[in-house]
Amino acid sequence: MSFFLSHFNYFAVAALMMAGLFVVFSSGNLIKRMIGLAIFQTATGLFYISLGKVSGGTAPIAIDPASPE
């Protein structure tokens, strides 16, 4: 159960991707296909955001030690 809760965002992304692809392949209506592609695109965006989440991470700010502050 803790594995599912710790990786919930990946399961949600997989479900959104499957739903979007299902709409694209099952519908003959072009408007519905566009909605399916939008759902799939949202899932890929959420996937990229989920990959960037690092617990305890900080922003990668490089400070030049030679420059006065």
PDB file of N, CA and C in Angstrom:
ATOM      1  N   MET A   1       0.827  -1.193   0.000  1.00  0.00           N
ATOM      2  CA  MET A   1       0.000   0.000   0.000  1.00  0.00           C
ATOM      3  C   MET A   1       0.868   1.254   0.000  1.00  0.00           C
ATOM      4  N   SER A   2       1.967   1.233   0.756  1.00  0.00           N
ATOM      5  CA  SER A   2       2.816   2.423   0.795  1.00  0.00           C
ATOM      6  C   SER A   2       3.497   2.654  -0.549  1.00  0.00           C
ATOM      7  N   PHE A   3       3.786   1.571  -1.300  1.00  0.00           N
ATOM      8  CA  PHE A   3       4.369   1.737  -2.628  1.00  0.00           C
ATOM      9  C   PHE A   3       3.406   2.462  -3.544  1.00  0.00           C
ATOM     10  N   PHE A   4       2.128   2.097  -3.476  1.00  0.00           N
ATOM     11  CA  PHE A   4       1.119   2.748  -4.302  1.00  0.00           C
ATOM     12  C   PHE A   4       0.977   4.220  -3.944  1.00  0.00           C
ATOM     13  N   LEU A   5       0.989   4.523  -2.657  1.00  0.00           N
ATOM     14  CA  LEU A   5       0.829   5.911  -2.241  1.00  0.00           C
ATOM     15  C   LEU A   5       2.057   6.754  -2.569  1.00  0.00           C
ATOM     16  N   SER A   6       3.233   6.151  -2.504  1.00  0.00           N
ATOM     17  CA  SER A   6       4.441   6.922  -2.799  1.00  0.00           C
ATOM     18  C   SER A   6       4.621   7.139  -4.305  1.00  0.00           C
ATOM     19  N   HIS A   7       4.022   6.285  -5.125  1.00  0.00           N
ATOM     20  CA  HIS A   7       4.122   6.418  -6.575  1.00  0.00           C
ATOM     21  C   HIS A   7       2.766   6.705  -7.214  1.00  0.00           C
ATOM     22  N   PHE A   8       1.889   7.369  -6.469  1.00  0.00           N
ATOM     23  CA  PHE A   8       0.534   7.622  -6.942  1.00  0.00           C
ATOM     24  C   PHE A   8       0.524   8.459  -8.216  1.00  0.00           C
ATOM     25  N   ASN A   9       1.423   9.443  -8.313  1.00  0.00           N
ATOM     26  CA  ASN A   9       1.425  10.310  -9.493  1.00  0.00           C
ATOM     27  C   ASN A   9       1.749   9.527 -10.760  1.00  0.00           C
ATOM     28  N   TYR A  10       2.594   8.511 -10.668  1.00  0.00           N
ATOM     29  CA  TYR A  10       2.911   7.717 -11.855  1.00  0.00           C
ATOM     30  C   TYR A  10       1.716   6.854 -12.282  1.00  0.00           C
ATOM     31  N   PHE A  11       0.976   6.327 -11.313  1.00  0.00           N
ATOM     32  CA  PHE A  11      -0.224   5.564 -11.644  1.00  0.00           C
ATOM     33  C   PHE A  11      -1.285   6.477 -12.262  1.00  0.00           C
ATOM     34  N   ALA A  12      -1.397   7.707 -11.762  1.00  0.00           N
ATOM     35  CA  ALA A  12      -2.362   8.656 -12.324  1.00  0.00           C
ATOM     36  C   ALA A  12      -1.973   9.024 -13.755  1.00  0.00           C
ATOM     37  N   VAL A  13      -0.684   9.205 -14.001  1.00  0.00           N
ATOM     38  CA  VAL A  13      -0.215   9.521 -15.353  1.00  0.00           C
ATOM     39  C   VAL A  13      -0.513   8.362 -16.291  1.00  0.00           C
ATOM     40  N   ALA A  14      -0.265   7.135 -15.852  1.00  0.00           N
ATOM     41  CA  ALA A  14      -0.531   5.973 -16.698  1.00  0.00           C
ATOM     42  C   ALA A  14      -2.025   5.869 -17.013  1.00  0.00           C
ATOM     43  N   ALA A  15      -2.873   6.126 -16.031  1.00  0.00           N
ATOM     44  CA  ALA A  15      -4.313   6.069 -16.260  1.00  0.00           C
ATOM     45  C   ALA A  15      -4.766   7.157 -17.240  1.00  0.00           C
ATOM     46  N   LEU A  16      -4.218   8.369 -17.104  1.00  0.00           N
ATOM     47  CA  LEU A  16      -4.575   9.444 -18.035  1.00  0.00           C
ATOM     48  C   LEU A  16      -4.092   9.138 -19.446  1.00  0.00           C
ATOM     49  N   MET A  17      -2.891   8.580 -19.573  1.00  0.00           N
ATOM     50  CA  MET A  17      -2.384   8.228 -20.901  1.00  0.00           C
ATOM     51  C   MET A  17      -3.257   7.163 -21.559  1.00  0.00           C
ATOM     52  N   MET A  18      -3.635   6.153 -20.784  1.00  0.00           N
ATOM     53  CA  MET A  18      -4.487   5.105 -21.344  1.00  0.00           C
ATOM     54  C   MET A  18      -5.853   5.656 -21.738  1.00  0.00           C
ATOM     55  N   ALA A  19      -6.404   6.547 -20.915  1.00  0.00           N
ATOM     56  CA  ALA A  19      -7.708   7.124 -21.238  1.00  0.00           C
ATOM     57  C   ALA A  19      -7.623   7.981 -22.500  1.00  0.00           C
ATOM     58  N   GLY A  20      -6.575   8.779 -22.610  1.00  0.00           N
ATOM     59  CA  GLY A  20      -6.415   9.615 -23.801  1.00  0.00           C
ATOM     60  C   GLY A  20      -6.240   8.798 -25.064  1.00  0.00           C
ATOM     61  N   LEU A  21      -5.408   7.765 -24.999  1.00  0.00           N
ATOM     62  CA  LEU A  21      -5.211   6.922 -26.177  1.00  0.00           C
ATOM     63  C   LEU A  21      -6.469   6.136 -26.530  1.00  0.00           C
ATOM     64  N   PHE A  22      -7.225   5.737 -25.519  1.00  0.00           N
ATOM     65  CA  PHE A  22      -8.483   5.033 -25.783  1.00  0.00           C
ATOM     66  C   PHE A  22      -9.448   5.932 -26.545  1.00  0.00           C
ATOM     67  N   VAL A  23      -9.548   7.182 -26.126  1.00  0.00           N
ATOM     68  CA  VAL A  23     -10.448   8.115 -26.808  1.00  0.00           C
ATOM     69  C   VAL A  23      -9.974   8.346 -28.241  1.00  0.00           C
ATOM     70  N   VAL A  24      -8.667   8.470 -28.436  1.00  0.00           N
ATOM     71  CA  VAL A  24      -8.144   8.721 -29.782  1.00  0.00           C
ATOM     72  C   VAL A  24      -8.448   7.554 -30.708  1.00  0.00           C
ATOM     73  N   PHE A  25      -8.223   6.330 -30.242  1.00  0.00           N
ATOM     74  CA  PHE A  25      -8.380   5.175 -31.115  1.00  0.00           C
ATOM     75  C   PHE A  25      -9.819   4.694 -31.246  1.00  0.00           C
ATOM     76  N   SER A  26     -10.659   4.973 -30.274  1.00  0.00           N
ATOM     77  CA  SER A  26     -12.017   4.438 -30.328  1.00  0.00           C
ATOM     78  C   SER A  26     -13.021   5.385 -30.973  1.00  0.00           C
ATOM     79  N   SER A  27     -12.678   6.646 -31.085  1.00  0.00           N
ATOM     80  CA  SER A  27     -13.648   7.617 -31.586  1.00  0.00           C
ATOM     81  C   SER A  27     -13.380   7.955 -33.046  1.00  0.00           C
ATOM     82  N   GLY A  28     -14.461   8.104 -33.800  1.00  0.00           N
ATOM     83  CA  GLY A  28     -14.350   8.535 -35.181  1.00  0.00           C
ATOM     84  C   GLY A  28     -14.535  10.036 -35.321  1.00  0.00           C
ATOM     85  N   ASN A  29     -15.053  10.659 -34.276  1.00  0.00           N
ATOM     86  CA  ASN A  29     -15.296  12.093 -34.281  1.00  0.00           C
ATOM     87  C   ASN A  29     -13.972  12.834 -34.047  1.00  0.00           C
ATOM     88  N   LEU A  30     -13.661  13.795 -34.909  1.00  0.00           N
ATOM     89  CA  LEU A  30     -12.382  14.500 -34.808  1.00  0.00           C
ATOM     90  C   LEU A  30     -12.285  15.373 -33.564  1.00  0.00           C
ATOM     91  N   ILE A  31     -13.384  15.935 -33.114  1.00  0.00           N
ATOM     92  CA  ILE A  31     -13.367  16.755 -31.900  1.00  0.00           C
ATOM     93  C   ILE A  31     -13.034  15.881 -30.694  1.00  0.00           C
ATOM     94  N   LYS A  32     -13.634  14.696 -30.631  1.00  0.00           N
ATOM     95  CA  LYS A  32     -13.330  13.789 -29.528  1.00  0.00           C
ATOM     96  C   LYS A  32     -11.880  13.312 -29.588  1.00  0.00           C
ATOM     97  N   ARG A  33     -11.361  13.132 -30.788  1.00  0.00           N
ATOM     98  CA  ARG A  33      -9.955  12.750 -30.926  1.00  0.00           C
ATOM     99  C   ARG A  33      -9.032  13.853 -30.428  1.00  0.00           C
ATOM    100  N   MET A  34      -9.394  15.093 -30.710  1.00  0.00           N
ATOM    101  CA  MET A  34      -8.591  16.216 -30.219  1.00  0.00           C
ATOM    102  C   MET A  34      -8.624  16.285 -28.696  1.00  0.00           C
ATOM    103  N   ILE A  35      -9.769  16.000 -28.108  1.00  0.00           N
ATOM    104  CA  ILE A  35      -9.869  15.978 -26.649  1.00  0.00           C
ATOM    105  C   ILE A  35      -9.007  14.854 -26.087  1.00  0.00           C
ATOM    106  N   GLY A  36      -9.001  13.696 -26.737  1.00  0.00           N
ATOM    107  CA  GLY A  36      -8.153  12.588 -26.308  1.00  0.00           C
ATOM    108  C   GLY A  36      -6.676  12.942 -26.389  1.00  0.00           C
ATOM    109  N   LEU A  37      -6.283  13.645 -27.456  1.00  0.00           N
ATOM    110  CA  LEU A  37      -4.890  14.081 -27.571  1.00  0.00           C
ATOM    111  C   LEU A  37      -4.537  15.100 -26.491  1.00  0.00           C
ATOM    112  N   ALA A  38      -5.484  15.956 -26.130  1.00  0.00           N
ATOM    113  CA  ALA A  38      -5.242  16.929 -25.062  1.00  0.00           C
ATOM    114  C   ALA A  38      -5.056  16.228 -23.723  1.00  0.00           C
ATOM    115  N   ILE A  39      -5.842  15.175 -23.479  1.00  0.00           N
ATOM    116  CA  ILE A  39      -5.696  14.398 -22.245  1.00  0.00           C
ATOM    117  C   ILE A  39      -4.333  13.716 -22.217  1.00  0.00           C
ATOM    118  N   PHE A  40      -3.926  13.156 -23.340  1.00  0.00           N
ATOM    119  CA  PHE A  40      -2.617  12.508 -23.423  1.00  0.00           C
ATOM    120  C   PHE A  40      -1.497  13.522 -23.213  1.00  0.00           C
ATOM    121  N   GLN A  41      -1.622  14.705 -23.785  1.00  0.00           N
ATOM    122  CA  GLN A  41      -0.611  15.743 -23.620  1.00  0.00           C
ATOM    123  C   GLN A  41      -0.527  16.197 -22.162  1.00  0.00           C
ATOM    124  N   THR A  42      -1.652  16.299 -21.494  1.00  0.00           N
ATOM    125  CA  THR A  42      -1.655  16.646 -20.080  1.00  0.00           C
ATOM    126  C   THR A  42      -0.943  15.582 -19.258  1.00  0.00           C
ATOM    127  N   ALA A  43      -1.142  14.325 -19.610  1.00  0.00           N
ATOM    128  CA  ALA A  43      -0.485  13.237 -18.893  1.00  0.00           C
ATOM    129  C   ALA A  43       1.029  13.295 -19.063  1.00  0.00           C
ATOM    130  N   THR A  44       1.498  13.600 -20.265  1.00  0.00           N
ATOM    131  CA  THR A  44       2.946  13.686 -20.463  1.00  0.00           C
ATOM    132  C   THR A  44       3.526  14.877 -19.707  1.00  0.00           C
ATOM    133  N   GLY A  45       2.818  15.978 -19.658  1.00  0.00           N
ATOM    134  CA  GLY A  45       3.274  17.123 -18.871  1.00  0.00           C
ATOM    135  C   GLY A  45       3.368  16.793 -17.396  1.00  0.00           C
ATOM    136  N   LEU A  46       2.350  16.114 -16.869  1.00  0.00           N
ATOM    137  CA  LEU A  46       2.390  15.698 -15.467  1.00  0.00           C
ATOM    138  C   LEU A  46       3.520  14.718 -15.210  1.00  0.00           C
ATOM    139  N   PHE A  47       3.810  13.870 -16.177  1.00  0.00           N
ATOM    140  CA  PHE A  47       4.915  12.921 -16.021  1.00  0.00           C
ATOM    141  C   PHE A  47       6.245  13.648 -15.908  1.00  0.00           C
ATOM    142  N   TYR A  48       6.471  14.638 -16.761  1.00  0.00           N
ATOM    143  CA  TYR A  48       7.717  15.398 -16.696  1.00  0.00           C
ATOM    144  C   TYR A  48       7.828  16.166 -15.388  1.00  0.00           C
ATOM    145  N   ILE A  49       6.735  16.724 -14.911  1.00  0.00           N
ATOM    146  CA  ILE A  49       6.750  17.432 -13.631  1.00  0.00           C
ATOM    147  C   ILE A  49       7.026  16.460 -12.489  1.00  0.00           C
ATOM    148  N   SER A  50       6.456  15.262 -12.554  1.00  0.00           N
ATOM    149  CA  SER A  50       6.666  14.263 -11.506  1.00  0.00           C
ATOM    150  C   SER A  50       8.114  13.797 -11.451  1.00  0.00           C
ATOM    151  N   LEU A  51       8.761  13.709 -12.608  1.00  0.00           N
ATOM    152  CA  LEU A  51      10.164  13.306 -12.619  1.00  0.00           C
ATOM    153  C   LEU A  51      11.059  14.347 -11.965  1.00  0.00           C
ATOM    154  N   GLY A  52      10.668  15.612 -12.018  1.00  0.00           N
ATOM    155  CA  GLY A  52      11.484  16.676 -11.453  1.00  0.00           C
ATOM    156  C   GLY A  52      11.374  16.801  -9.947  1.00  0.00           C
ATOM    157  N   LYS A  53      10.425  16.135  -9.324  1.00  0.00           N
ATOM    158  CA  LYS A  53      10.237  16.210  -7.879  1.00  0.00           C
ATOM    159  C   LYS A  53      11.281  15.364  -7.183  1.00  0.00           C
ATOM    160  N   VAL A  54      12.109  16.008  -6.375  1.00  0.00           N
ATOM    161  CA  VAL A  54      13.126  15.314  -5.602  1.00  0.00           C
ATOM    162  C   VAL A  54      12.946  15.724  -4.147  1.00  0.00           C
ATOM    163  N   SER A  55      12.721  14.769  -3.267  1.00  0.00           N
ATOM    164  CA  SER A  55      12.522  15.104  -1.861  1.00  0.00           C
ATOM    165  C   SER A  55      13.835  15.588  -1.256  1.00  0.00           C
ATOM    166  N   GLY A  56      13.784  16.728  -0.603  1.00  0.00           N
ATOM    167  CA  GLY A  56      14.970  17.310   0.001  1.00  0.00           C
ATOM    168  C   GLY A  56      15.849  18.054  -0.983  1.00  0.00           C
ATOM    169  N   GLY A  57      15.413  18.198  -2.219  1.00  0.00           N
ATOM    170  CA  GLY A  57      16.213  18.869  -3.239  1.00  0.00           C
ATOM    171  C   GLY A  57      16.094  20.381  -3.153  1.00  0.00           C
ATOM    172  N   THR A  58      17.104  21.065  -3.645  1.00  0.00           N
ATOM    173  CA  THR A  58      17.082  22.521  -3.696  1.00  0.00           C
ATOM    174  C   THR A  58      17.319  22.971  -5.135  1.00  0.00           C
ATOM    175  N   ALA A  59      17.124  24.236  -5.379  1.00  0.00           N
ATOM    176  CA  ALA A  59      17.324  24.785  -6.722  1.00  0.00           C
ATOM    177  C   ALA A  59      18.807  24.774  -7.067  1.00  0.00           C
ATOM    178  N   PRO A  60      19.156  24.400  -8.294  1.00  0.00           N
ATOM    179  CA  PRO A  60      20.570  24.354  -8.679  1.00  0.00           C
ATOM    180  C   PRO A  60      21.087  25.750  -9.038  1.00  0.00           C
ATOM    181  N   ILE A  61      21.477  26.488  -8.021  1.00  0.00           N
ATOM    182  CA  ILE A  61      21.984  27.853  -8.218  1.00  0.00           C
ATOM    183  C   ILE A  61      23.500  27.805  -8.074  1.00  0.00           C
ATOM    184  N   ALA A  62      24.213  28.183  -9.131  1.00  0.00           N
ATOM    185  CA  ALA A  62      25.664  28.216  -9.097  1.00  0.00           C
ATOM    186  C   ALA A  62      26.132  29.619  -8.729  1.00  0.00           C
ATOM    187  N   ILE A  63      26.952  29.700  -7.691  1.00  0.00           N
ATOM    188  CA  ILE A  63      27.473  30.989  -7.235  1.00  0.00           C
ATOM    189  C   ILE A  63      28.964  31.008  -7.522  1.00  0.00           C
ATOM    190  N   ASP A  64      29.383  32.052  -8.211  1.00  0.00           N
ATOM    191  CA  ASP A  64      30.797  32.209  -8.525  1.00  0.00           C
ATOM    192  C   ASP A  64      31.519  32.689  -7.253  1.00  0.00           C
ATOM    193  N   PRO A  65      32.487  31.920  -6.760  1.00  0.00           N
ATOM    194  CA  PRO A  65      33.152  32.331  -5.504  1.00  0.00           C
ATOM    195  C   PRO A  65      34.027  33.569  -5.683  1.00  0.00           C
ATOM    196  N   ALA A  66      34.415  33.920  -6.908  1.00  0.00           N
ATOM    197  CA  ALA A  66      35.269  35.072  -7.125  1.00  0.00           C
ATOM    198  C   ALA A  66      34.496  36.383  -7.129  1.00  0.00           C
ATOM    199  N   SER A  67      33.196  36.334  -7.354  1.00  0.00           N
ATOM    200  CA  SER A  67      32.419  37.576  -7.432  1.00  0.00           C
ATOM    201  C   SER A  67      32.044  38.064  -6.027  1.00  0.00           C
ATOM    202  N   PRO A  68      32.179  39.368  -5.785  1.00  0.00           N
ATOM    203  CA  PRO A  68      31.786  39.906  -4.461  1.00  0.00           C
ATOM    204  C   PRO A  68      30.265  39.977  -4.345  1.00  0.00           C
ATOM    205  N   GLU A  69      29.800  39.778  -3.161  1.00  0.00           N
ATOM    206  CA  GLU A  69      28.353  39.828  -2.946  1.00  0.00           C
ATOM    207  C   GLU A  69      27.960  40.990  -2.111  1.00  0.00           C
TER     208      GLU A  69
END
